């Protein structure tokens, strides 16, 4: 069997956690392949809300195996807090949660560096979540990082102190920042015991053995495709490859192992932090979407910037990822509109229209061509099948399938587990 992939097609916060949870029972293993605690995957069921930052979203499905892959960067303090959430919810996780030994560790001094670097940027800051993600990936590519497997080596403390010393030297270049390193270190070393008590495995061997046994794997991405370090809105991006190619490096599987690629998009757009956002709304409508959609970051609590759906942007990320089926979430947020808009084209410097994204969205006052569509202006609460959908919603979905040349397989009409319409 092969690996199916779930990933975000916008700037993150598309609702990946819910969709992973909904589809997880079709698989034997759910594996996170990149990112870190800067991601927040929200799940709602049985009247309760859970937010996961590191642990795969399949953990709430009984009997399902979950792996934190080598492409993930792990903050042991955050992971310990998530473990406590599972304990409080009486989730039996001990035999079902695995950690790849090659996953890199976020040190307290990584978070110190993150905060100092962002402060030094002033007005040019990128909107980092200050979780230490960037500095950790920098050490990974710079061949200085510490990995989960290092925890079990006799010289771990020596390696830790050497890397910490390097970080403190770099932090001096940025200037002082309010960060209690000693207190954070105490919490960090304490939390290592929780991490070491988990089943730490050679992730690449484990995943391939699962596949060789004919079992099914679901790879869970974090953030969104427009935050990919290579193909996103650079430099306002994350530090990893958030697109399908990241699955191979982040789990240790060959490209031919990839089967379905399930791309997740909201029915509109949001973005947290800095960076270009061509369809952003600065008026009452943007505020309406923000309120109706509860658009506040699951990790940071920051309000999300809101705007209309960007079809050229979606076409771009569908191409990059090789998306085979599209999931449209938060369709219910548009219930309140008699009509709404979407971006059909980008306006080039010479005034012509293009369906392609420009080389650099950051260095241009990019304009988009907006088109209006009729809204359904009614609740979708009782809609459970495609046949029950309002005609205007059906028309909108048909329009998107034609524009994107991609089939919509699932429509989400609310945050709860059961608010799902299967289109095929």
Protein backbone atom coordinates (compact mmCIF):
# COMPACT_ATOMS: atom_id res chain seq x y z
CA UNK A 1 0.00 0.00 0.00
CA UNK A 2 1.00 3.64 -0.24
CA UNK A 3 0.94 6.95 1.57
CA UNK A 4 -1.99 9.34 1.27
CA UNK A 5 -1.22 12.96 2.10
CA UNK A 6 -3.30 15.67 3.77
CA UNK A 7 -1.93 19.19 3.58
CA UNK A 8 -3.03 22.82 3.48
CA UNK A 9 -3.23 24.73 0.22
CA UNK A 10 -3.25 28.28 1.60
CA UNK A 11 -1.37 29.98 4.47
CA UNK A 12 -2.30 27.40 7.09
CA UNK A 13 -5.33 27.13 9.41
CA UNK A 14 -7.35 25.39 6.69
CA UNK A 15 -8.85 22.78 9.04
CA UNK A 16 -6.40 19.93 8.43
CA UNK A 17 -6.72 18.54 11.95
CA UNK A 18 -10.44 17.97 11.62
CA UNK A 19 -10.11 16.28 8.23
CA UNK A 20 -7.31 14.01 9.48
CA UNK A 21 -9.50 13.04 12.41
CA UNK A 22 -12.49 12.39 10.12
CA UNK A 23 -10.54 10.20 7.68
CA UNK A 24 -8.17 8.56 10.17
CA UNK A 25 -10.22 5.39 10.64
CA UNK A 26 -9.45 4.49 7.01
CA UNK A 27 -5.74 4.13 7.88
CA UNK A 28 -3.39 2.12 10.05
CA UNK A 29 -0.91 4.91 10.76
CA UNK A 30 -1.10 8.72 10.87
CA UNK A 31 2.31 10.42 10.61
CA UNK A 32 3.26 14.09 10.95
CA UNK A 33 6.01 14.87 8.43
CA UNK A 34 7.16 18.46 9.11
CA UNK A 35 6.70 21.59 11.18
CA UNK A 36 6.61 21.96 14.92
CA UNK A 37 4.65 23.58 17.74
CA UNK A 38 4.03 26.67 15.60
CA UNK A 39 1.18 24.62 14.11
CA UNK A 40 -2.15 24.20 15.89
CA UNK A 41 -4.58 21.51 14.71
CA UNK A 42 -8.02 21.93 16.29
CA UNK A 43 -10.46 19.05 16.76
CA UNK A 44 -14.01 19.24 18.13
CA UNK A 45 -16.13 16.25 19.09
CA UNK A 46 -18.36 15.11 21.96
CA UNK A 47 -18.82 18.76 22.91
CA UNK A 48 -15.10 19.20 23.61
CA UNK A 49 -12.30 21.08 21.86
CA UNK A 50 -8.73 19.83 21.58
CA UNK A 51 -5.71 21.61 20.08
CA UNK A 52 -2.65 19.58 19.08
CA UNK A 53 0.68 21.13 18.11
CA UNK A 54 3.02 18.17 17.67
CA UNK A 55 1.06 14.95 18.13
CA UNK A 56 -0.71 13.67 14.98
CA UNK A 57 -4.46 14.30 14.82
CA UNK A 58 -5.22 10.58 14.59
CA UNK A 59 -4.41 10.05 18.26
CA UNK A 60 -8.07 10.31 19.31
CA UNK A 61 -9.05 7.35 17.12
CA UNK A 62 -8.91 4.16 19.18
CA UNK A 63 -6.36 1.59 18.05
CA UNK A 64 -4.73 3.84 15.44
CA UNK A 65 -0.92 4.21 15.41
CA UNK A 66 0.56 7.73 15.28
CA UNK A 67 4.12 8.79 14.43
CA UNK A 68 5.90 12.10 14.91
CA UNK A 69 8.21 11.92 11.89
CA UNK A 70 11.85 12.92 11.50
CA UNK A 71 10.89 16.10 9.61
CA UNK A 72 9.16 17.50 12.71
CA UNK A 73 10.99 19.69 15.22
CA UNK A 74 9.94 18.91 18.80
CA UNK A 75 9.76 21.14 21.85
CA UNK A 76 9.65 18.66 24.76
CA UNK A 77 7.82 21.21 26.96
CA UNK A 78 5.00 21.58 24.44
CA UNK A 79 4.88 17.83 23.86
CA UNK A 80 4.55 17.19 27.60
CA UNK A 81 1.57 19.58 27.76
CA UNK A 82 -0.09 17.72 24.88
CA UNK A 83 0.50 14.40 26.61
CA UNK A 84 -1.27 15.81 29.66
CA UNK A 85 -4.24 16.74 27.44
CA UNK A 86 -4.44 13.10 26.33
CA UNK A 87 -4.20 11.88 29.92
CA UNK A 88 -6.97 14.27 31.04
CA UNK A 89 -9.14 13.07 28.15
CA UNK A 90 -8.41 9.44 29.15
CA UNK A 91 -6.88 8.68 25.76
CA UNK A 92 -4.84 5.48 25.70
CA UNK A 93 -1.78 6.77 23.86
CA UNK A 94 1.27 4.98 25.29
CA UNK A 95 1.36 2.10 22.82
CA UNK A 96 0.08 4.17 19.89
CA UNK A 97 2.35 7.24 19.88
CA UNK A 98 5.79 6.86 18.31
CA UNK A 99 8.58 9.42 17.87
CA UNK A 100 11.23 9.24 15.15
CA UNK A 101 14.74 9.29 16.61
CA UNK A 102 15.91 11.59 13.80
CA UNK A 103 13.42 14.35 14.71
CA UNK A 104 15.26 17.46 15.88
CA UNK A 105 14.85 19.04 19.31
CA UNK A 106 13.93 22.66 20.00
CA UNK A 107 16.13 23.92 22.83
CA UNK A 108 15.19 26.81 25.14
CA UNK A 109 18.04 28.79 23.58
CA UNK A 110 16.42 28.27 20.15
CA UNK A 111 13.38 30.16 21.46
CA UNK A 112 15.65 32.83 22.92
CA UNK A 113 17.30 33.27 19.51
CA UNK A 114 13.92 33.39 17.79
CA UNK A 115 12.69 36.17 20.07
CA UNK A 116 15.94 38.15 19.81
CA UNK A 117 16.09 37.86 16.02
CA UNK A 118 12.48 38.90 15.54
CA UNK A 119 12.89 41.89 17.86
CA UNK A 120 16.01 43.01 15.99
CA UNK A 121 14.09 43.05 12.69
CA UNK A 122 11.81 45.83 13.94
CA UNK A 123 9.27 46.78 11.29
CA UNK A 124 10.61 44.09 8.97
CA UNK A 125 9.72 41.22 11.32
CA UNK A 126 8.09 38.24 9.62
CA UNK A 127 5.51 37.45 12.29
CA UNK A 128 7.29 34.47 13.83
CA UNK A 129 5.36 32.47 16.44
CA UNK A 130 8.56 32.65 18.57
CA UNK A 131 8.50 28.90 19.14
CA UNK A 132 12.13 28.44 18.07
CA UNK A 133 11.22 26.74 14.80
CA UNK A 134 13.45 28.77 12.48
CA UNK A 135 16.63 28.55 14.59
CA UNK A 136 16.09 24.80 15.05
CA UNK A 137 15.83 24.18 11.31
CA UNK A 138 18.88 26.42 10.81
CA UNK A 139 20.87 24.20 13.15
CA UNK A 140 19.53 21.15 11.33
CA UNK A 141 20.77 22.35 7.94
CA UNK A 142 23.91 23.76 9.56
CA UNK A 143 24.65 20.30 10.96
CA UNK A 144 24.66 21.48 14.55
CA UNK A 145 21.30 20.19 15.75
CA UNK A 146 20.33 17.77 18.50
CA UNK A 147 17.96 14.92 17.71
CA UNK A 148 15.67 12.75 19.80
CA UNK A 149 18.10 9.84 19.47
CA UNK A 150 20.83 11.97 21.08
CA UNK A 151 18.88 11.90 24.35
CA UNK A 152 19.95 8.30 24.86
CA UNK A 153 23.66 8.94 24.20
CA UNK A 154 26.20 9.36 27.02
CA UNK A 155 27.51 12.68 25.67
CA UNK A 156 24.09 14.36 25.32
CA UNK A 157 24.69 16.98 28.01
CA UNK A 158 28.03 17.89 26.43
CA UNK A 159 26.38 18.35 23.04
CA UNK A 160 23.60 20.40 24.63
CA UNK A 161 26.01 22.80 26.36
CA UNK A 162 28.05 23.25 23.19
CA UNK A 163 24.97 24.19 21.16
CA UNK A 164 23.61 26.42 23.92
CA UNK A 165 26.95 28.28 24.07
CA UNK A 166 26.76 28.90 20.34
CA UNK A 167 23.23 30.28 20.68
CA UNK A 168 24.16 32.64 23.48
CA UNK A 169 26.97 34.04 21.37
CA UNK A 170 24.58 34.68 18.49
CA UNK A 171 21.97 36.22 20.80
CA UNK A 172 24.47 38.88 21.88
CA UNK A 173 24.58 40.13 18.29
CA UNK A 174 20.82 40.76 18.31
CA UNK A 175 20.65 42.56 21.66
CA UNK A 176 18.86 41.88 24.93
CA UNK A 177 15.41 40.31 25.04
CA UNK A 178 13.09 39.42 27.91
CA UNK A 179 13.63 35.66 28.25
CA UNK A 180 14.28 33.69 31.48
CA UNK A 181 16.59 31.05 30.06
CA UNK A 182 17.36 29.43 33.40
CA UNK A 183 13.68 28.87 34.23
CA UNK A 184 12.94 27.56 30.73
CA UNK A 185 15.88 25.18 30.93
CA UNK A 186 14.57 23.72 34.18
CA UNK A 187 11.20 23.00 32.57
CA UNK A 188 12.88 21.65 29.43
CA UNK A 189 15.09 19.11 31.21
CA UNK A 190 12.16 17.99 33.33
CA UNK A 191 10.01 17.45 30.24
CA UNK A 192 12.69 15.28 28.63
CA UNK A 193 11.65 12.43 30.90
CA UNK A 194 8.19 12.41 29.33
CA UNK A 195 9.70 12.34 25.84
CA UNK A 196 12.18 9.58 26.71
CA UNK A 197 9.35 7.46 28.11
CA UNK A 198 7.65 7.40 24.70
CA UNK A 199 8.38 4.76 22.09
CA UNK A 200 11.26 6.31 20.12
CA UNK A 201 11.84 4.45 16.86
CA UNK A 202 13.80 4.54 13.61
CA UNK A 203 10.92 6.26 11.85
CA UNK A 204 12.01 5.61 8.29
CA UNK A 205 12.23 1.85 8.88
CA UNK A 206 8.96 1.80 10.79
CA UNK A 207 6.95 3.59 8.08
CA UNK A 208 8.33 1.43 5.29
CA UNK A 209 7.70 -1.76 7.23
CA UNK A 210 4.08 -0.67 7.74
CA UNK A 211 3.76 -0.09 3.99
CA UNK A 212 5.43 -3.40 3.14
CA UNK A 213 2.85 -5.15 5.30
CA UNK A 214 0.14 -3.79 3.03
CA UNK A 215 -1.13 -1.23 5.54
CA UNK A 216 -2.25 2.34 4.83
CA UNK A 217 -0.46 5.47 5.99
CA UNK A 218 -1.84 9.01 6.18
CA UNK A 219 0.80 11.76 6.18
CA UNK A 220 -0.34 14.88 8.02
CA UNK A 221 1.14 18.24 7.07
CA UNK A 222 1.34 21.42 9.12
CA UNK A 223 1.04 25.09 8.14
CA UNK A 224 0.12 25.60 4.47
CA UNK A 225 1.63 25.40 0.99
CA UNK A 226 2.00 29.19 0.72
CA UNK A 227 4.35 29.01 3.71
CA UNK A 228 6.67 26.51 2.00
CA UNK A 229 10.28 27.69 2.31
CA UNK A 230 10.87 27.26 -1.45
CA UNK A 231 7.51 28.04 -3.05
CA UNK A 232 5.71 30.21 -0.52
CA UNK A 233 5.63 33.99 -0.11
CA UNK A 234 9.33 34.17 0.77
CA UNK A 235 10.64 35.44 3.18
CA UNK A 236 7.29 35.34 5.00
CA UNK A 237 7.38 31.56 5.14
CA UNK A 238 8.09 28.76 7.59
CA UNK A 239 11.40 26.88 7.66
CA UNK A 240 10.33 23.56 6.15
CA UNK A 241 8.82 22.13 2.98
CA UNK A 242 5.08 22.08 3.59
CA UNK A 243 4.19 20.60 0.20
CA UNK A 244 3.94 16.95 -0.89
CA UNK A 245 7.67 16.63 -1.58
CA UNK A 246 8.23 17.21 2.15
CA UNK A 247 6.57 13.87 2.89
CA UNK A 248 9.47 11.95 1.37
CA UNK A 249 12.12 13.75 3.42
CA UNK A 250 9.96 14.10 6.51
CA UNK A 251 9.10 10.41 6.82
CA UNK A 252 11.76 8.63 4.78
CA UNK A 253 9.56 7.25 2.02
CA UNK A 254 10.22 7.11 -1.72
CA UNK A 255 8.19 9.31 -4.13
CA UNK A 256 6.49 6.31 -5.74
CA UNK A 257 4.93 5.51 -2.36
CA UNK A 258 2.69 8.59 -2.60
CA UNK A 259 -0.92 7.86 -3.62
CA UNK A 260 -3.74 10.31 -3.00
CA UNK A 261 -2.94 13.94 -2.21
CA UNK A 262 -5.82 15.54 -0.35
CA UNK A 263 -5.56 19.34 -0.42
CA UNK A 264 -7.45 21.41 2.16
CA UNK A 265 -8.70 24.92 1.45
CA UNK A 266 -11.07 27.24 3.23
CA UNK A 267 -13.95 28.69 1.25
CA UNK A 268 -12.16 32.03 1.73
CA UNK A 269 -8.59 32.97 2.73
CA UNK A 270 -6.88 33.79 6.01
CA UNK A 271 -3.36 34.56 7.08
CA UNK A 272 -1.65 35.08 10.47
CA UNK A 273 1.24 37.48 10.92
CA UNK A 274 3.09 39.47 8.26
CA UNK A 275 3.45 38.89 4.56
CA UNK A 276 1.55 39.58 1.34
CA UNK A 277 -2.15 38.72 1.11
CA UNK A 278 -3.56 40.00 -2.20
CA UNK A 279 -7.27 39.32 -1.46
CA UNK A 280 -7.20 40.68 2.10
CA UNK A 281 -10.27 42.63 3.21
CA UNK A 282 -9.79 45.74 5.33
CA UNK A 283 -13.48 46.57 5.74
CA UNK A 284 -16.51 45.40 7.72
CA UNK A 285 -16.81 42.31 5.53
CA UNK A 286 -13.37 41.13 6.60
CA UNK A 287 -14.37 41.64 10.23
CA UNK A 288 -17.62 39.75 9.62
CA UNK A 289 -15.71 36.76 8.26
CA UNK A 290 -13.30 36.93 11.19
CA UNK A 291 -16.13 36.89 13.73
CA UNK A 292 -18.24 34.29 11.95
CA UNK A 293 -15.29 31.97 11.38
CA UNK A 294 -13.72 32.44 14.82
CA UNK A 295 -10.52 33.39 13.04
CA UNK A 296 -8.00 33.50 15.86
CA UNK A 297 -4.80 31.45 15.83
CA UNK A 298 -4.97 28.10 17.64
CA UNK A 299 -1.29 28.45 18.60
CA UNK A 300 -0.83 32.19 19.15
CA UNK A 301 -4.38 33.48 19.66
CA UNK A 302 -3.61 36.25 17.19
CA UNK A 303 -6.51 37.43 14.99
CA UNK A 304 -6.24 36.11 11.45
CA UNK A 305 -6.34 38.43 8.48
CA UNK A 306 -9.30 37.52 6.26
CA UNK A 307 -10.00 37.86 2.54
CA UNK A 308 -11.73 36.32 -0.44
CA UNK A 309 -10.73 33.01 -2.00
CA UNK A 310 -7.74 33.35 -4.36
CA UNK A 311 -8.28 30.96 -7.28
CA UNK A 312 -4.89 31.54 -9.02
CA UNK A 313 -3.17 30.93 -5.69
CA UNK A 314 -5.12 27.69 -5.22
CA UNK A 315 -4.37 26.57 -8.77
CA UNK A 316 -0.67 27.17 -8.01
CA UNK A 317 -0.60 25.01 -4.86
CA UNK A 318 -2.73 22.28 -6.46
CA UNK A 319 -0.07 22.11 -9.19
CA UNK A 320 2.86 22.04 -6.72
CA UNK A 321 1.31 19.30 -4.61
CA UNK A 322 -0.20 17.11 -7.30
CA UNK A 323 -3.56 17.34 -5.53
CA UNK A 324 -5.93 14.53 -6.49
CA UNK A 325 -8.90 15.67 -4.41
CA UNK A 326 -9.90 18.93 -2.80
CA UNK A 327 -11.55 19.45 0.59
CA UNK A 328 -13.34 22.76 1.11
CA UNK A 329 -13.75 23.80 4.74
CA UNK A 330 -15.64 26.56 6.58
CA UNK A 331 -18.23 26.83 3.82
CA UNK A 332 -20.76 27.65 6.56
CA UNK A 333 -18.96 30.92 7.32
CA UNK A 334 -20.27 32.25 3.99
CA UNK A 335 -23.90 31.47 4.98
CA UNK A 336 -24.44 35.10 5.98
CA UNK A 337 -23.75 36.60 2.54
CA UNK A 338 -26.29 37.26 -0.21
CA UNK A 339 -23.26 37.46 -2.51
CA UNK A 340 -19.52 37.22 -2.10
CA UNK A 341 -16.38 37.39 -4.25
CA UNK A 342 -13.32 35.45 -5.32
CA UNK A 343 -10.13 36.39 -7.17
CA UNK A 344 -10.14 35.01 -10.71
CA UNK A 345 -6.93 36.62 -12.06
CA UNK A 346 -3.90 38.68 -11.10
CA UNK A 347 -3.38 42.04 -12.78
CA UNK A 348 0.11 42.32 -14.28
CA UNK A 349 2.23 45.48 -14.43
CA UNK A 350 1.07 46.19 -17.98
CA UNK A 351 -2.59 45.85 -16.96
CA UNK A 352 -3.23 42.45 -18.52
CA UNK A 353 -4.80 39.54 -16.62
CA UNK A 354 -2.91 36.42 -15.60
CA UNK A 355 -3.82 33.16 -13.88
CA UNK A 356 -0.24 32.76 -12.65
CA UNK A 357 1.29 34.11 -9.46
CA UNK A 358 4.15 36.60 -9.91
CA UNK A 359 7.72 35.72 -8.93
CA UNK A 360 7.56 37.76 -5.73
CA UNK A 361 4.30 38.84 -4.13
CA UNK A 362 6.26 40.76 -1.47
CA UNK A 363 7.83 43.33 -3.77
CA UNK A 364 4.79 44.44 -5.69
CA UNK A 365 1.50 46.15 -4.97
CA UNK A 366 -0.31 43.19 -6.41
CA UNK A 367 -3.87 43.71 -7.64
CA UNK A 368 -6.39 40.96 -8.29
CA UNK A 369 -9.47 40.72 -10.50
CA UNK A 370 -12.50 39.96 -8.33
CA UNK A 371 -15.67 38.23 -9.49
CA UNK A 372 -19.01 38.14 -7.66
CA UNK A 373 -21.06 35.02 -7.09
CA UNK A 374 -24.50 34.56 -5.58
CA UNK A 375 -24.60 33.37 -1.99
CA UNK A 376 -27.04 30.86 -0.52
CA UNK A 377 -27.79 33.09 2.49
CA UNK A 378 -29.10 30.24 4.65
CA UNK A 379 -27.96 27.80 7.30
CA UNK A 380 -26.34 24.52 6.31
CA UNK A 381 -27.01 22.98 9.71
CA UNK A 382 -29.33 20.28 8.38
CA UNK A 383 -27.49 19.66 5.11
CA UNK A 384 -25.80 16.26 5.16
CA UNK A 385 -25.76 15.21 1.48
CA UNK A 386 -24.97 16.97 -1.83
CA UNK A 387 -28.63 16.69 -2.87
CA UNK A 388 -29.68 18.82 0.11
CA UNK A 389 -27.31 21.66 -0.77
CA UNK A 390 -28.76 25.03 -1.82
CA UNK A 391 -28.52 25.59 -5.57
CA UNK A 392 -26.18 28.57 -5.11
CA UNK A 393 -23.72 26.44 -3.14
CA UNK A 394 -23.79 23.71 -5.80
CA UNK A 395 -23.12 26.36 -8.45
CA UNK A 396 -20.17 27.72 -6.46
CA UNK A 397 -18.64 24.25 -6.04
CA UNK A 398 -19.09 23.52 -9.75
CA UNK A 399 -17.43 26.84 -10.60
CA UNK A 400 -14.42 26.02 -8.39
CA UNK A 401 -14.02 22.53 -9.84
CA UNK A 402 -13.98 23.99 -13.35
CA UNK A 403 -11.57 26.83 -12.47
CA UNK A 404 -9.20 24.57 -10.52
CA UNK A 405 -9.52 21.44 -12.66
CA UNK A 406 -9.76 19.43 -9.46
CA UNK A 407 -12.62 17.46 -7.95
CA UNK A 408 -14.03 18.48 -4.57
CA UNK A 409 -14.42 15.32 -2.48
CA UNK A 410 -15.49 16.74 0.89
CA UNK A 411 -17.23 19.90 2.08
CA UNK A 412 -17.02 20.85 5.76
CA UNK A 413 -19.97 22.79 7.17
CA UNK A 414 -18.82 23.29 10.76
CA UNK A 415 -15.98 22.56 13.20
CA UNK A 416 -17.51 19.39 14.65
CA UNK A 417 -16.49 15.92 13.51
CA UNK A 418 -19.93 15.16 12.02
CA UNK A 419 -20.29 18.38 10.00
CA UNK A 420 -19.09 16.75 6.79
CA UNK A 421 -20.61 16.29 3.34
CA UNK A 422 -19.03 13.63 1.12
CA UNK A 423 -19.36 14.72 -2.51
CA UNK A 424 -18.27 11.47 -4.16
